[in-house]
Protein backbone atom coordinates (compact mmCIF):
# COMPACT_ATOMS: atom_id res chain seq x y z
CA MET A 1 0.00 0.00 0.00
CA ARG A 2 2.98 2.27 0.50
CA ASP A 3 5.07 1.41 -2.57
CA SER A 4 5.06 4.97 -3.93
CA VAL A 5 6.48 6.34 -0.65
CA LEU A 6 8.94 3.48 -0.21
CA ARG A 7 10.19 3.82 -3.77
CA ARG A 8 11.26 7.40 -3.14
CA GLN A 9 13.18 6.31 -0.04
CA LYS A 10 14.74 3.38 -1.91
CA ASP A 11 15.85 5.62 -4.77
CA ARG A 12 17.36 8.11 -2.34
CA LEU A 13 19.39 5.38 -0.64
CA MET A 14 20.43 3.44 -3.74
CA THR A 15 21.19 6.23 -6.20
CA PRO A 16 24.71 6.97 -4.83
CA LEU A 17 25.54 3.25 -5.06
CA ALA A 18 24.16 3.04 -8.60
CA GLU A 19 26.07 6.12 -9.71
CA GLN A 20 29.41 5.02 -8.28
CA LEU A 21 29.53 1.24 -8.72
CA PHE A 22 27.29 0.46 -11.69
CA THR A 23 28.52 2.83 -14.38
CA ALA A 24 29.57 -0.07 -16.64
CA VAL A 25 26.75 -2.47 -15.71
CA HIS A 26 23.58 -2.47 -17.77
CA PRO A 27 20.39 -2.54 -15.67
CA ASN A 28 19.13 -5.57 -17.60
CA VAL A 29 22.17 -7.49 -16.37
CA VAL A 30 21.20 -6.59 -12.80
CA SER A 31 17.67 -7.91 -13.51
CA VAL A 32 19.03 -11.22 -14.81
CA VAL A 33 21.39 -11.60 -11.85
CA ALA A 34 18.42 -10.91 -9.55
CA LEU A 35 16.54 -13.74 -11.27
CA GLY A 36 19.46 -16.12 -10.67
CA VAL A 37 19.61 -15.17 -7.00
CA GLY A 38 15.85 -15.64 -6.67
CA LEU A 39 16.03 -19.11 -8.22
CA LEU A 40 18.88 -19.99 -5.87
CA SER A 41 16.61 -18.96 -3.02
CA ALA A 42 13.93 -21.34 -4.30
CA THR A 43 16.56 -24.07 -4.59
CA ALA A 44 17.59 -23.51 -0.97
CA ILE A 45 13.98 -24.12 0.06
CA LEU A 46 14.02 -27.50 -1.70
CA TYR A 47 16.98 -28.50 0.48
CA GLY A 48 15.36 -27.20 3.67
CA GLU A 49 17.87 -24.36 3.97
CA PHE A 50 15.33 -21.72 4.93
CA THR A 51 17.79 -19.28 6.50
CA ALA A 52 19.97 -19.29 3.38
CA GLY A 53 16.85 -19.01 1.27
CA LEU A 54 15.72 -15.96 3.24
CA ALA A 55 19.12 -14.28 2.80
CA LEU A 56 19.00 -14.95 -0.95
CA TRP A 57 15.40 -13.69 -1.15
CA ILE A 58 16.40 -10.41 0.52
CA LEU A 59 19.38 -10.10 -1.85
CA ASN A 60 17.02 -10.73 -4.78
CA ARG A 61 14.78 -7.87 -3.61
CA ILE A 62 17.75 -5.53 -3.22
CA LEU A 63 18.94 -6.31 -6.75
CA ASP A 64 15.41 -5.96 -8.08
CA GLY A 65 15.20 -2.52 -6.51
CA LEU A 66 18.61 -1.60 -7.86
CA ASP A 67 18.06 -2.30 -11.56
CA GLY A 68 15.58 0.55 -12.00
CA VAL A 69 17.79 2.93 -10.03
CA VAL A 70 20.75 2.04 -12.25
CA ALA A 71 18.62 2.63 -15.35
CA ARG A 72 17.49 6.07 -14.15
CA ALA A 73 20.91 7.08 -12.82
CA HIS A 74 22.65 6.32 -16.14
CA ASP A 75 19.82 7.19 -18.52
CA LYS A 76 19.40 3.58 -19.66
CA GLN A 77 15.65 3.26 -19.19
CA SER A 78 13.80 1.29 -21.86
CA ASP A 79 10.45 -0.39 -22.38
CA PHE A 80 12.23 -3.72 -22.81
CA GLY A 81 14.03 -3.24 -19.51
CA GLY A 82 10.76 -2.54 -17.72
CA TYR A 83 9.13 -5.53 -19.38
CA LEU A 84 12.06 -7.81 -18.50
CA ASP A 85 12.06 -6.62 -14.90
CA LEU A 86 8.36 -7.45 -14.43
CA LEU A 87 8.63 -10.80 -16.18
CA LEU A 88 11.62 -11.97 -14.13
CA ASP A 89 9.98 -10.76 -10.92
CA PHE A 90 6.96 -12.93 -11.57
CA ILE A 91 9.13 -15.96 -12.25
CA VAL A 92 10.66 -15.57 -8.77
CA TYR A 93 7.28 -14.82 -7.17
CA LEU A 94 6.01 -18.13 -8.57
CA ALA A 95 9.13 -20.22 -8.00
CA ILE A 96 9.29 -19.61 -4.26
CA PRO A 97 5.76 -20.79 -3.31
CA ILE A 98 6.16 -23.77 -5.64
CA ALA A 99 9.43 -24.63 -3.90
CA PHE A 100 7.68 -24.56 -0.52
CA MET A 101 4.93 -26.82 -1.88
CA VAL A 102 7.57 -29.32 -3.06
CA ALA A 103 9.63 -29.11 0.13
CA LEU A 104 6.61 -29.39 2.45
CA PRO A 105 4.20 -31.56 0.41
CA THR A 106 1.27 -31.98 2.81
CA MET A 107 -2.19 -31.89 1.29
CA PRO A 108 -3.19 -28.66 3.11
CA ASN A 109 0.03 -26.97 1.97
CA MET A 110 -0.58 -28.08 -1.60
CA TRP A 111 -4.15 -26.79 -1.70
CA ALA A 112 -3.19 -23.50 -0.06
CA GLY A 113 -0.36 -23.13 -2.57
CA VAL A 114 -2.66 -23.85 -5.50
CA ALA A 115 -5.10 -21.24 -4.16
CA LEU A 116 -2.30 -18.67 -3.88
CA LEU A 117 -1.05 -19.31 -7.42
CA ALA A 118 -4.60 -19.16 -8.80
CA VAL A 119 -5.20 -15.83 -7.08
CA TYR A 120 -1.90 -14.55 -8.52
CA VAL A 121 -3.32 -15.17 -12.00
CA ILE A 122 -6.54 -13.34 -11.15
CA ASN A 123 -4.61 -10.42 -9.68
CA LEU A 124 -2.28 -10.27 -12.67
CA LEU A 125 -5.25 -10.05 -15.01
CA SER A 126 -6.92 -7.45 -12.79
CA TRP A 127 -4.12 -4.96 -13.26
CA SER A 128 -2.53 -5.92 -16.59
CA THR A 129 -5.86 -5.75 -18.43
CA LEU A 130 -6.63 -2.46 -16.72
CA ALA A 131 -3.16 -1.17 -17.64
CA ALA A 132 -3.87 -1.92 -21.30
CA ILE A 133 -7.19 -0.06 -21.14
CA LEU A 134 -5.59 2.95 -19.43
CA GLU A 135 -2.86 2.95 -22.07
CA LYS A 136 -5.50 2.82 -24.80
CA ARG A 137 -7.33 5.77 -23.26
CA GLN A 138 -4.07 7.59 -22.46
CA LEU A 139 -4.96 7.79 -18.78
CA GLN A 140 -1.63 6.64 -17.34
CA SER A 141 -0.35 8.53 -14.31
CA SER A 142 2.90 10.45 -14.66
CA ASP A 143 4.40 8.97 -11.46
CA ARG A 144 3.65 5.29 -12.04
CA LEU A 145 6.01 2.81 -10.40
CA THR A 146 6.54 0.41 -13.32
CA THR A 147 6.58 0.37 -17.10
CA MET A 148 2.92 -0.61 -17.02
CA GLU A 149 0.29 1.21 -15.01
CA MET A 150 -0.33 -0.76 -11.81
CA PRO A 151 -3.21 0.72 -9.77
CA THR A 152 -2.64 0.66 -6.05
CA GLY A 153 -4.10 -2.02 -3.83
CA LEU A 154 -3.85 -3.65 -0.42
CA ILE A 155 -1.04 -6.05 -1.41
CA GLU A 156 1.80 -4.48 -3.37
CA GLY A 157 5.56 -4.99 -3.48
CA ALA A 158 6.35 -4.19 0.16
CA GLU A 159 3.62 -6.46 1.49
CA THR A 160 4.72 -9.27 -0.81
CA ILE A 161 8.30 -9.00 0.47
CA ALA A 162 7.04 -9.16 4.06
CA PHE A 163 4.84 -12.20 3.41
CA TYR A 164 7.62 -14.08 1.63
CA CYS A 165 9.98 -13.38 4.53
CA LEU A 166 7.39 -14.94 6.83
CA PHE A 167 7.31 -18.04 4.59
CA TYR A 168 11.00 -18.60 5.31
CA ILE A 169 10.81 -17.73 9.01
CA PHE A 170 7.73 -19.84 9.77
CA PRO A 171 7.70 -22.71 7.25
CA GLY A 172 5.58 -24.76 9.64
CA ALA A 173 2.80 -22.21 9.26
CA ILE A 174 2.98 -22.09 5.48
CA VAL A 175 -0.60 -23.29 4.99
CA TYR A 176 -1.92 -20.35 7.03
CA LEU A 177 0.43 -17.84 5.42
CA PHE A 178 -0.43 -19.04 1.91
CA GLY A 179 -4.13 -18.90 2.75
CA LEU A 180 -3.98 -15.43 4.28
CA MET A 181 -1.94 -14.02 1.42
CA ALA A 182 -4.28 -15.59 -1.13
CA LEU A 183 -7.25 -13.94 0.60
CA LEU A 184 -5.58 -10.52 0.71
CA VAL A 185 -4.36 -10.70 -2.90
CA PHE A 186 -7.88 -11.68 -3.98
CA PHE A 187 -9.19 -8.63 -2.11
CA THR A 188 -6.59 -6.50 -3.93
CA ALA A 189 -7.84 -7.78 -7.28
CA GLY A 190 -11.36 -6.94 -6.15
CA GLN A 191 -10.26 -3.39 -5.36
CA ARG A 192 -9.15 -2.95 -8.95
CA VAL A 193 -12.34 -4.46 -10.36
CA TRP A 194 -14.31 -2.00 -8.22
CA TRP A 195 -12.11 0.87 -9.45
CA VAL A 196 -12.80 -0.12 -13.06
CA TYR A 197 -16.55 -0.31 -12.36
CA ARG A 198 -16.54 3.14 -10.76
CA ASN A 199 -14.24 4.90 -13.20
CA LEU A 200 -14.48 3.22 -16.61
């Protein structure tokens, strides 16, 4: 819910690092490295190494936040870069719950995981379809956070990071965490459907 505020703070903190250490590194390379780190995190889950997985997840989020800062700091922004960043993010967002389902394959965990992944699809459609309509009508906001317009909702990037951290810290409660996150993401999709009904 606070991504717009947090992004300004993140940019303020990371811009000096991006300007000094990433002059020769293309932001798309940072995005791909972030994907590799995220997949290593998922692999750690499969081996029951939840602490290592958590550390890799946090590193993935730092790198994911850094690629856009590098692009803006060195004037290397592109539509492809924004597209790649979103695509690779979703791969990691999917890989980690799937890894928990494989590592902790109880029936409740599996059903809760399936519910979470299904709600991810609904939520993705709720904002990506809306983004296309807003683009068509030229109603995009000037301060949007990503390449595509992503209307605000209850569960955004910061909340997703927090939930995923809880997955690693409390793997024994994964069924409840999956279920709660699925419910809140579904509510977020509903917020966007309501926005479309009221405004379009």
